[in-house]
Amino acid sequence: MLGLSLVTRAKDSLYQICRGLKTVAMHTFREPITQVYPDKMPDTHIRGRLALAVNPESGEHLCISCRQCERVCPDKCIEITAHKSPETNKLELIDFKIDHGLCMFCGLCTEVCPTSCIINTNDFEMSEYSREALVYDLRKLTLSQEESGYYFDRKDIPLPKPKPAKAAPAAGAAAGAAKPAAAAAAAAKPADGAAAAAKPAEAAKPAEAAKPAEAAKPAEAAKPAADAKAVEKPAEAKTSEDKPADAKEEKKADTGEKTEEPADAKKDAEKKEGEDKPKE
């Protein structure tokens, strides 16, 4: 029994060897179907690295920050940062991050994207030396206009519909609004000129009114001066009255001196007469 089992195992082994040699012999004289990988990259539909496409015609970014890819991702490797614009009241994309270290390339995000912005590229060479390098931001994820056009043609993705031209009516409305504004400005210019002309007239009126006031001011100023003179005159009169009194005293003093001089003369005369008389 042991010998039979060994013989059967040897036969099976030889059969498998002959089968393999037959396959090799069949492909020996055929043309090679393999490709030299580093020199020639495969051009097939694969779910490779995720990327964000732009409009191939205008180059405008297609992401509208709807966050559907972020919600549908089973690995939660997509992170979107956006804010609402105060001008348009719509979401504007700030940053878009994908962690390819967590991504399992299921392709669900590409299916739910309403604008065909996020797509799978043919790039599968994503080896890095750190986990942080596998996190791609908006700059690394965004494709160029030529690359986006290539993948749109290759994957038969319909081109995005052009946005409605709201700028033209807005520009027309702005131009229409500008015309009344210009007319109002033109109407306001004569009014400004009239106001400017009225301002000198108004300025002249106070000047004319100021002249009598200025003339009146000297008169008013003269009145106190006249009153001051009137007040000074009595003072001067008083001084003049005082002066005659002083003059009278001086005259009296003069008359007193004159009267005193004759008295001395009389005394001298009497003395002389007494000397002249003979003694008895």
C-alpha atoms as a PDB file:
ATOM      1  CA  MET A   1       0.000   0.000   0.000  1.00  0.00           C
ATOM      2  CA  LEU A   2       2.805   2.355   0.774  1.00  0.00           C
ATOM      3  CA  GLY A   3       4.490   1.624  -2.546  1.00  0.00           C
ATOM      4  CA  LEU A   4       1.352   2.273  -4.552  1.00  0.00           C
ATOM      5  CA  SER A   5       0.804   5.665  -2.879  1.00  0.00           C
ATOM      6  CA  LEU A   6       4.351   6.726  -3.689  1.00  0.00           C
ATOM      7  CA  VAL A   7       3.943   5.690  -7.345  1.00  0.00           C
ATOM      8  CA  THR A   8       0.690   7.622  -7.730  1.00  0.00           C
ATOM      9  CA  ARG A   9       2.193  10.750  -6.157  1.00  0.00           C
ATOM     10  CA  ALA A  10       5.183  10.516  -8.549  1.00  0.00           C
ATOM     11  CA  LYS A  11       2.863  10.200 -11.548  1.00  0.00           C
ATOM     12  CA  ASP A  12       0.862  13.277 -10.479  1.00  0.00           C
ATOM     13  CA  SER A  13       4.050  15.285 -10.029  1.00  0.00           C
ATOM     14  CA  LEU A  14       5.355  14.348 -13.504  1.00  0.00           C
ATOM     15  CA  TYR A  15       2.011  15.194 -15.023  1.00  0.00           C
ATOM     16  CA  GLN A  16       2.025  18.672 -13.508  1.00  0.00           C
ATOM     17  CA  ILE A  17       5.602  19.245 -14.692  1.00  0.00           C
ATOM     18  CA  CYS A  18       4.710  18.201 -18.234  1.00  0.00           C
ATOM     19  CA  ARG A  19       1.674  20.457 -18.142  1.00  0.00           C
ATOM     20  CA  GLY A  20       3.762  23.414 -17.160  1.00  0.00           C
ATOM     21  CA  LEU A  21       6.381  22.710 -19.836  1.00  0.00           C
ATOM     22  CA  LYS A  22       3.619  22.472 -22.393  1.00  0.00           C
ATOM     23  CA  THR A  23       2.359  25.952 -21.433  1.00  0.00           C
ATOM     24  CA  VAL A  24       5.887  27.325 -21.716  1.00  0.00           C
ATOM     25  CA  ALA A  25       6.337  25.694 -25.118  1.00  0.00           C
ATOM     26  CA  MET A  26       3.059  27.185 -26.353  1.00  0.00           C
ATOM     27  CA  HIS A  27       4.082  30.760 -25.421  1.00  0.00           C
ATOM     28  CA  THR A  28       7.647  30.392 -26.651  1.00  0.00           C
ATOM     29  CA  PHE A  29       6.863  31.259 -30.255  1.00  0.00           C
ATOM     30  CA  ARG A  30       4.084  33.819 -29.549  1.00  0.00           C
ATOM     31  CA  GLU A  31       4.516  37.589 -29.392  1.00  0.00           C
ATOM     32  CA  PRO A  32       4.971  38.950 -25.854  1.00  0.00           C
ATOM     33  CA  ILE A  33       1.806  40.281 -24.275  1.00  0.00           C
ATOM     34  CA  THR A  34       3.453  41.718 -21.165  1.00  0.00           C
ATOM     35  CA  GLN A  35       4.572  45.372 -20.907  1.00  0.00           C
ATOM     36  CA  VAL A  36       7.682  46.918 -19.476  1.00  0.00           C
ATOM     37  CA  TYR A  37       6.053  48.645 -16.516  1.00  0.00           C
ATOM     38  CA  PRO A  38       8.417  51.511 -15.670  1.00  0.00           C
ATOM     39  CA  ASP A  39       8.792  52.530 -19.321  1.00  0.00           C
ATOM     40  CA  LYS A  40       5.184  52.140 -20.359  1.00  0.00           C
ATOM     41  CA  MET A  41       2.322  52.828 -17.970  1.00  0.00           C
ATOM     42  CA  PRO A  42      -0.943  50.865 -18.231  1.00  0.00           C
ATOM     43  CA  ASP A  43      -3.780  52.793 -19.824  1.00  0.00           C
ATOM     44  CA  THR A  44      -6.854  51.076 -18.465  1.00  0.00           C
ATOM     45  CA  HIS A  45      -9.903  52.030 -16.405  1.00  0.00           C
ATOM     46  CA  ILE A  46      -8.784  51.562 -12.839  1.00  0.00           C
ATOM     47  CA  ARG A  47      -9.752  53.133  -9.546  1.00  0.00           C
ATOM     48  CA  GLY A  48      -6.511  54.878  -8.757  1.00  0.00           C
ATOM     49  CA  ARG A  49      -5.663  58.050  -6.862  1.00  0.00           C
ATOM     50  CA  LEU A  50      -8.552  60.434  -6.215  1.00  0.00           C
ATOM     51  CA  ALA A  51      -8.359  63.908  -7.709  1.00  0.00           C
ATOM     52  CA  LEU A  52     -10.503  67.015  -8.255  1.00  0.00           C
ATOM     53  CA  ALA A  53     -11.187  67.953 -11.865  1.00  0.00           C
ATOM     54  CA  VAL A  54     -11.792  71.432 -13.258  1.00  0.00           C
ATOM     55  CA  ASN A  55     -13.862  72.578 -16.199  1.00  0.00           C
ATOM     56  CA  PRO A  56     -11.851  71.597 -19.307  1.00  0.00           C
ATOM     57  CA  GLU A  57     -13.159  74.605 -21.217  1.00  0.00           C
ATOM     58  CA  SER A  58     -12.943  77.418 -18.678  1.00  0.00           C
ATOM     59  CA  GLY A  59     -10.641  75.975 -15.988  1.00  0.00           C
ATOM     60  CA  GLU A  60     -13.193  76.766 -13.267  1.00  0.00           C
ATOM     61  CA  HIS A  61     -13.226  74.534 -10.188  1.00  0.00           C
ATOM     62  CA  LEU A  62     -16.223  72.197 -10.192  1.00  0.00           C
ATOM     63  CA  CYS A  63     -16.573  71.554  -6.454  1.00  0.00           C
ATOM     64  CA  ILE A  64     -19.675  73.222  -4.977  1.00  0.00           C
ATOM     65  CA  SER A  65     -19.015  72.145  -1.340  1.00  0.00           C
ATOM     66  CA  CYS A  66     -22.138  69.973  -1.156  1.00  0.00           C
ATOM     67  CA  ARG A  67     -20.320  67.481   1.147  1.00  0.00           C
ATOM     68  CA  GLN A  68     -22.020  64.450  -0.408  1.00  0.00           C
ATOM     69  CA  CYS A  69     -18.699  62.687  -0.921  1.00  0.00           C
ATOM     70  CA  GLU A  70     -17.778  63.393   2.692  1.00  0.00           C
ATOM     71  CA  ARG A  71     -21.035  61.881   3.957  1.00  0.00           C
ATOM     72  CA  VAL A  72     -20.955  58.784   1.740  1.00  0.00           C
ATOM     73  CA  CYS A  73     -17.313  57.851   2.412  1.00  0.00           C
ATOM     74  CA  PRO A  74     -17.264  54.649   4.533  1.00  0.00           C
ATOM     75  CA  ASP A  75     -13.729  55.317   5.822  1.00  0.00           C
ATOM     76  CA  LYS A  76     -14.357  59.010   6.634  1.00  0.00           C
ATOM     77  CA  CYS A  77     -11.156  59.976   4.863  1.00  0.00           C
ATOM     78  CA  ILE A  78     -12.575  63.100   3.149  1.00  0.00           C
ATOM     79  CA  GLU A  79     -12.629  66.469   4.915  1.00  0.00           C
ATOM     80  CA  ILE A  80     -14.123  69.589   3.320  1.00  0.00           C
ATOM     81  CA  THR A  81     -13.759  73.130   4.635  1.00  0.00           C
ATOM     82  CA  ALA A  82     -16.119  75.777   3.252  1.00  0.00           C
ATOM     83  CA  HIS A  83     -17.870  79.004   4.249  1.00  0.00           C
ATOM     84  CA  LYS A  84     -20.937  80.891   3.091  1.00  0.00           C
ATOM     85  CA  SER A  85     -20.199  83.941   0.984  1.00  0.00           C
ATOM     86  CA  PRO A  86     -21.940  87.094   2.243  1.00  0.00           C
ATOM     87  CA  GLU A  87     -22.225  88.419  -1.330  1.00  0.00           C
ATOM     88  CA  THR A  88     -23.744  85.404  -3.140  1.00  0.00           C
ATOM     89  CA  ASN A  89     -25.068  83.583  -0.041  1.00  0.00           C
ATOM     90  CA  LYS A  90     -23.543  80.346  -1.389  1.00  0.00           C
ATOM     91  CA  LEU A  91     -20.925  77.958  -0.061  1.00  0.00           C
ATOM     92  CA  GLU A  92     -17.378  78.619  -1.219  1.00  0.00           C
ATOM     93  CA  LEU A  93     -14.662  75.971  -1.011  1.00  0.00           C
ATOM     94  CA  ILE A  94     -11.687  76.760   1.227  1.00  0.00           C
ATOM     95  CA  ASP A  95      -9.866  73.414   1.512  1.00  0.00           C
ATOM     96  CA  PHE A  96     -10.375  69.789   0.455  1.00  0.00           C
ATOM     97  CA  LYS A  97      -8.390  66.978   2.100  1.00  0.00           C
ATOM     98  CA  ILE A  98      -8.289  63.247   1.330  1.00  0.00           C
ATOM     99  CA  ASP A  99      -6.297  60.760   3.390  1.00  0.00           C
ATOM    100  CA  HIS A 100      -5.238  58.121   0.847  1.00  0.00           C
ATOM    101  CA  GLY A 101      -3.788  56.071   3.686  1.00  0.00           C
ATOM    102  CA  LEU A 102      -7.372  55.363   4.837  1.00  0.00           C
ATOM    103  CA  CYS A 103      -9.064  55.277   1.421  1.00  0.00           C
ATOM    104  CA  MET A 104     -10.055  51.834   0.089  1.00  0.00           C
ATOM    105  CA  PHE A 105     -10.797  53.178  -3.437  1.00  0.00           C
ATOM    106  CA  CYS A 106     -14.408  52.042  -3.457  1.00  0.00           C
ATOM    107  CA  GLY A 107     -15.446  54.829  -5.839  1.00  0.00           C
ATOM    108  CA  LEU A 108     -18.633  55.803  -3.948  1.00  0.00           C
ATOM    109  CA  CYS A 109     -17.536  59.444  -3.741  1.00  0.00           C
ATOM    110  CA  THR A 110     -17.173  59.630  -7.528  1.00  0.00           C
ATOM    111  CA  GLU A 111     -20.682  58.251  -8.041  1.00  0.00           C
ATOM    112  CA  VAL A 112     -22.509  60.703  -5.766  1.00  0.00           C
ATOM    113  CA  CYS A 113     -20.663  63.821  -6.923  1.00  0.00           C
ATOM    114  CA  PRO A 114     -23.274  65.961  -8.775  1.00  0.00           C
ATOM    115  CA  THR A 115     -20.705  67.922 -10.803  1.00  0.00           C
ATOM    116  CA  SER A 116     -18.292  65.044 -11.596  1.00  0.00           C
ATOM    117  CA  CYS A 117     -15.606  66.928  -9.742  1.00  0.00           C
ATOM    118  CA  ILE A 118     -14.004  64.076  -7.780  1.00  0.00           C
ATOM    119  CA  ILE A 119     -12.736  61.261 -10.026  1.00  0.00           C
ATOM    120  CA  ASN A 120     -10.412  58.245  -9.909  1.00  0.00           C
ATOM    121  CA  THR A 121      -7.256  58.751 -11.910  1.00  0.00           C
ATOM    122  CA  ASN A 122      -4.908  56.126 -13.359  1.00  0.00           C
ATOM    123  CA  ASP A 123      -2.175  57.024 -10.908  1.00  0.00           C
ATOM    124  CA  PHE A 124      -1.383  54.135  -8.563  1.00  0.00           C
ATOM    125  CA  GLU A 125       2.183  55.080  -7.606  1.00  0.00           C
ATOM    126  CA  MET A 126       1.479  56.559  -4.197  1.00  0.00           C
ATOM    127  CA  SER A 127       4.223  55.119  -2.034  1.00  0.00           C
ATOM    128  CA  GLU A 128       5.496  57.535   0.615  1.00  0.00           C
ATOM    129  CA  TYR A 129       7.812  57.429   3.623  1.00  0.00           C
ATOM    130  CA  SER A 130       5.273  58.824   6.101  1.00  0.00           C
ATOM    131  CA  ARG A 131       1.544  58.664   6.706  1.00  0.00           C
ATOM    132  CA  GLU A 132       1.237  62.447   6.685  1.00  0.00           C
ATOM    133  CA  ALA A 133       2.458  62.558   3.080  1.00  0.00           C
ATOM    134  CA  LEU A 134      -0.585  60.513   2.025  1.00  0.00           C
ATOM    135  CA  VAL A 135      -2.916  63.331   3.074  1.00  0.00           C
ATOM    136  CA  TYR A 136      -3.545  65.395  -0.073  1.00  0.00           C
ATOM    137  CA  ASP A 137      -4.811  68.968   0.204  1.00  0.00           C
ATOM    138  CA  LEU A 138      -6.669  71.075  -2.346  1.00  0.00           C
ATOM    139  CA  ARG A 139      -3.509  72.075  -4.186  1.00  0.00           C
ATOM    140  CA  LYS A 140      -2.283  68.492  -4.643  1.00  0.00           C
ATOM    141  CA  LEU A 141      -5.729  67.145  -5.511  1.00  0.00           C
ATOM    142  CA  THR A 142      -6.649  69.681  -8.189  1.00  0.00           C
ATOM    143  CA  LEU A 143      -5.862  68.616 -11.754  1.00  0.00           C
ATOM    144  CA  SER A 144      -4.799  70.951 -14.511  1.00  0.00           C
ATOM    145  CA  GLN A 145      -7.108  71.929 -17.345  1.00  0.00           C
ATOM    146  CA  GLU A 146      -5.370  69.529 -19.782  1.00  0.00           C
ATOM    147  CA  GLU A 147      -5.475  66.591 -17.344  1.00  0.00           C
ATOM    148  CA  SER A 148      -9.147  67.234 -16.632  1.00  0.00           C
ATOM    149  CA  GLY A 149      -9.896  67.262 -20.357  1.00  0.00           C
ATOM    150  CA  TYR A 150      -8.052  63.938 -20.764  1.00  0.00           C
ATOM    151  CA  TYR A 151     -10.056  62.189 -18.037  1.00  0.00           C
ATOM    152  CA  PHE A 152     -13.341  63.706 -19.200  1.00  0.00           C
ATOM    153  CA  ASP A 153     -12.712  62.211 -22.672  1.00  0.00           C
ATOM    154  CA  ARG A 154     -11.313  58.932 -21.365  1.00  0.00           C
ATOM    155  CA  LYS A 155     -14.141  58.240 -18.917  1.00  0.00           C
ATOM    156  CA  ASP A 156     -16.874  59.734 -21.156  1.00  0.00           C
ATOM    157  CA  ILE A 157     -17.840  62.246 -18.480  1.00  0.00           C
ATOM    158  CA  PRO A 158     -20.316  64.846 -19.770  1.00  0.00           C
ATOM    159  CA  LEU A 159     -19.039  68.385 -19.762  1.00  0.00           C
ATOM    160  CA  PRO A 160     -20.533  70.594 -17.042  1.00  0.00           C
ATOM    161  CA  LYS A 161     -23.315  72.906 -18.082  1.00  0.00           C
ATOM    162  CA  PRO A 162     -22.298  76.559 -18.333  1.00  0.00           C
ATOM    163  CA  LYS A 163     -23.529  78.709 -15.518  1.00  0.00           C
ATOM    164  CA  PRO A 164     -26.298  81.174 -16.347  1.00  0.00           C
ATOM    165  CA  ALA A 165     -24.914  84.533 -17.353  1.00  0.00           C
ATOM    166  CA  LYS A 166     -26.235  86.657 -14.520  1.00  0.00           C
ATOM    167  CA  ALA A 167     -23.480  89.192 -14.882  1.00  0.00           C
ATOM    168  CA  ALA A 168     -24.855  90.626 -18.157  1.00  0.00           C
ATOM    169  CA  PRO A 169     -28.287  91.597 -16.765  1.00  0.00           C
ATOM    170  CA  ALA A 170     -26.595  92.814 -13.645  1.00  0.00           C
ATOM    171  CA  ALA A 171     -24.258  94.900 -15.763  1.00  0.00           C
ATOM    172  CA  GLY A 172     -27.233  96.212 -17.744  1.00  0.00           C
ATOM    173  CA  ALA A 173     -29.070  97.017 -14.558  1.00  0.00           C
ATOM    174  CA  ALA A 174     -25.956  98.674 -13.221  1.00  0.00           C
ATOM    175  CA  ALA A 175     -25.664 100.678 -16.432  1.00  0.00           C
ATOM    176  CA  GLY A 176     -29.357 101.569 -16.210  1.00  0.00           C
ATOM    177  CA  ALA A 177     -28.908 102.582 -12.617  1.00  0.00           C
ATOM    178  CA  ALA A 178     -25.784 104.498 -13.562  1.00  0.00           C
ATOM    179  CA  LYS A 179     -27.681 106.631 -16.079  1.00  0.00           C
ATOM    180  CA  PRO A 180     -30.138 108.055 -13.523  1.00  0.00           C
ATOM    181  CA  ALA A 181     -27.210 108.458 -11.178  1.00  0.00           C
ATOM    182  CA  ALA A 182     -25.320 110.369 -13.860  1.00  0.00           C
ATOM    183  CA  ALA A 183     -28.417 112.448 -14.587  1.00  0.00           C
ATOM    184  CA  ALA A 184     -28.833 113.133 -10.887  1.00  0.00           C
ATOM    185  CA  ALA A 185     -25.176 114.063 -10.665  1.00  0.00           C
ATOM    186  CA  ALA A 186     -25.541 116.368 -13.682  1.00  0.00           C
ATOM    187  CA  ALA A 187     -28.616 117.943 -12.106  1.00  0.00           C
ATOM    188  CA  ALA A 188     -26.803 118.249  -8.836  1.00  0.00           C
ATOM    189  CA  LYS A 189     -23.870 120.103 -10.433  1.00  0.00           C
ATOM    190  CA  PRO A 190     -25.952 123.225 -11.378  1.00  0.00           C
ATOM    191  CA  ALA A 191     -27.505 123.051  -7.949  1.00  0.00           C
ATOM    192  CA  ASP A 192     -24.047 122.947  -6.466  1.00  0.00           C
ATOM    193  CA  GLY A 193     -23.085 125.877  -8.698  1.00  0.00           C
ATOM    194  CA  ALA A 194     -26.159 127.790  -7.555  1.00  0.00           C
ATOM    195  CA  ALA A 195     -25.352 126.958  -3.992  1.00  0.00           C
ATOM    196  CA  ALA A 196     -21.787 128.063  -4.582  1.00  0.00           C
ATOM    197  CA  ALA A 197     -23.085 131.292  -6.135  1.00  0.00           C
ATOM    198  CA  ALA A 198     -25.468 131.731  -3.237  1.00  0.00           C
ATOM    199  CA  LYS A 199     -22.684 131.252  -0.738  1.00  0.00           C
ATOM    200  CA  PRO A 200     -20.778 134.405  -1.843  1.00  0.00           C
ATOM    201  CA  ALA A 201     -24.030 136.356  -1.758  1.00  0.00           C
ATOM    202  CA  GLU A 202     -24.717 135.076   1.711  1.00  0.00           C
ATOM    203  CA  ALA A 203     -21.149 135.845   2.646  1.00  0.00           C
ATOM    204  CA  ALA A 204     -21.552 139.348   1.207  1.00  0.00           C
ATOM    205  CA  LYS A 205     -24.670 140.002   3.257  1.00  0.00           C
ATOM    206  CA  PRO A 206     -22.925 139.543   6.554  1.00  0.00           C
ATOM    207  CA  ALA A 207     -20.138 141.738   5.283  1.00  0.00           C
ATOM    208  CA  GLU A 208     -22.611 144.477   4.430  1.00  0.00           C
ATOM    209  CA  ALA A 209     -24.329 143.974   7.736  1.00  0.00           C
ATOM    210  CA  ALA A 210     -21.013 143.986   9.442  1.00  0.00           C
ATOM    211  CA  LYS A 211     -20.110 147.437   8.080  1.00  0.00           C
ATOM    212  CA  PRO A 212     -22.814 149.293  10.029  1.00  0.00           C
ATOM    213  CA  ALA A 213     -21.974 147.179  12.996  1.00  0.00           C
ATOM    214  CA  GLU A 214     -18.354 148.116  12.645  1.00  0.00           C
ATOM    215  CA  ALA A 215     -19.378 151.759  12.202  1.00  0.00           C
ATOM    216  CA  ALA A 216     -21.624 151.485  15.205  1.00  0.00           C
ATOM    217  CA  LYS A 217     -18.878 150.016  17.294  1.00  0.00           C
ATOM    218  CA  PRO A 218     -16.707 153.153  17.166  1.00  0.00           C
ATOM    219  CA  ALA A 219     -19.722 155.246  18.068  1.00  0.00           C
ATOM    220  CA  GLU A 220     -20.464 152.972  20.950  1.00  0.00           C
ATOM    221  CA  ALA A 221     -16.835 153.031  21.891  1.00  0.00           C
ATOM    222  CA  ALA A 222     -16.855 156.824  21.573  1.00  0.00           C
ATOM    223  CA  LYS A 223     -19.682 157.137  24.070  1.00  0.00           C
ATOM    224  CA  PRO A 224     -17.706 155.676  26.903  1.00  0.00           C
ATOM    225  CA  ALA A 225     -14.804 157.831  25.855  1.00  0.00           C
ATOM    226  CA  ALA A 226     -17.029 160.902  25.937  1.00  0.00           C
ATOM    227  CA  ASP A 227     -18.361 159.841  29.300  1.00  0.00           C
ATOM    228  CA  ALA A 228     -14.821 159.345  30.464  1.00  0.00           C
ATOM    229  CA  LYS A 229     -13.947 162.821  29.247  1.00  0.00           C
ATOM    230  CA  ALA A 230     -17.022 164.182  30.991  1.00  0.00           C
ATOM    231  CA  VAL A 231     -15.952 162.416  34.114  1.00  0.00           C
ATOM    232  CA  GLU A 232     -12.434 163.740  33.729  1.00  0.00           C
ATOM    233  CA  LYS A 233     -13.600 167.329  33.176  1.00  0.00           C
ATOM    234  CA  PRO A 234     -15.121 167.712  36.654  1.00  0.00           C
ATOM    235  CA  ALA A 235     -11.972 166.218  38.016  1.00  0.00           C
ATOM    236  CA  GLU A 236      -9.999 168.793  36.087  1.00  0.00           C
ATOM    237  CA  ALA A 237     -12.400 171.458  37.315  1.00  0.00           C
ATOM    238  CA  LYS A 238     -11.857 170.315  40.825  1.00  0.00           C
ATOM    239  CA  THR A 239      -8.164 170.558  40.344  1.00  0.00           C
ATOM    240  CA  SER A 240      -8.629 173.995  38.886  1.00  0.00           C
ATOM    241  CA  GLU A 241     -10.700 174.926  41.919  1.00  0.00           C
ATOM    242  CA  ASP A 242      -7.967 173.519  44.078  1.00  0.00           C
ATOM    243  CA  LYS A 243      -5.412 175.524  42.165  1.00  0.00           C
ATOM    244  CA  PRO A 244      -6.991 178.924  42.947  1.00  0.00           C
ATOM    245  CA  ALA A 245      -7.069 177.967  46.608  1.00  0.00           C
ATOM    246  CA  ASP A 246      -3.414 177.204  46.471  1.00  0.00           C
ATOM    247  CA  ALA A 247      -2.809 180.437  44.595  1.00  0.00           C
ATOM    248  CA  LYS A 248      -4.703 182.374  47.272  1.00  0.00           C
ATOM    249  CA  GLU A 249      -2.628 180.801  50.006  1.00  0.00           C
ATOM    250  CA  GLU A 250       0.504 181.611  48.078  1.00  0.00           C
ATOM    251  CA  LYS A 251      -0.700 185.174  47.590  1.00  0.00           C
ATOM    252  CA  LYS A 252      -1.495 185.387  51.265  1.00  0.00           C
ATOM    253  CA  ALA A 253       1.928 184.048  52.056  1.00  0.00           C
ATOM    254  CA  ASP A 254       3.413 186.620  49.713  1.00  0.00           C
ATOM    255  CA  THR A 255       1.375 189.433  51.243  1.00  0.00           C
ATOM    256  CA  GLY A 256       2.366 188.216  54.717  1.00  0.00           C
ATOM    257  CA  GLU A 257       6.021 188.382  53.824  1.00  0.00           C
ATOM    258  CA  LYS A 258       5.543 191.819  52.305  1.00  0.00           C
ATOM    259  CA  THR A 259       3.719 193.042  55.390  1.00  0.00           C
ATOM    260  CA  GLU A 260       6.412 191.604  57.600  1.00  0.00           C
ATOM    261  CA  GLU A 261       9.144 193.456  55.720  1.00  0.00           C
ATOM    262  CA  PRO A 262       7.591 196.938  56.390  1.00  0.00           C
ATOM    263  CA  ALA A 263       7.199 196.022  60.080  1.00  0.00           C
ATOM    264  CA  ASP A 264      10.920 195.375  60.334  1.00  0.00           C
ATOM    265  CA  ALA A 265      11.630 198.592  58.512  1.00  0.00           C
ATOM    266  CA  LYS A 266       9.505 200.537  60.948  1.00  0.00           C
ATOM    267  CA  LYS A 267      11.351 198.998  63.855  1.00  0.00           C
ATOM    268  CA  ASP A 268      14.672 199.941  62.316  1.00  0.00           C
ATOM    269  CA  ALA A 269      13.419 203.471  61.734  1.00  0.00           C
ATOM    270  CA  GLU A 270      12.258 203.798  65.293  1.00  0.00           C
ATOM    271  CA  LYS A 271      15.611 202.558  66.496  1.00  0.00           C
ATOM    272  CA  LYS A 272      17.364 205.112  64.372  1.00  0.00           C
ATOM    273  CA  GLU A 273      15.080 207.851  65.581  1.00  0.00           C
ATOM    274  CA  GLY A 274      15.746 206.831  69.179  1.00  0.00           C
ATOM    275  CA  GLU A 275      19.445 206.991  68.540  1.00  0.00           C
ATOM    276  CA  ASP A 276      19.161 210.332  66.831  1.00  0.00           C
ATOM    277  CA  LYS A 277      17.196 211.976  69.638  1.00  0.00           C
ATOM    278  CA  PRO A 278      19.431 213.688  72.204  1.00  0.00           C
ATOM    279  CA  LYS A 279      19.649 212.144  75.536  1.00  0.00           C
ATOM    280  CA  GLU A 280      18.177 214.222  78.320  1.00  0.00           C
END
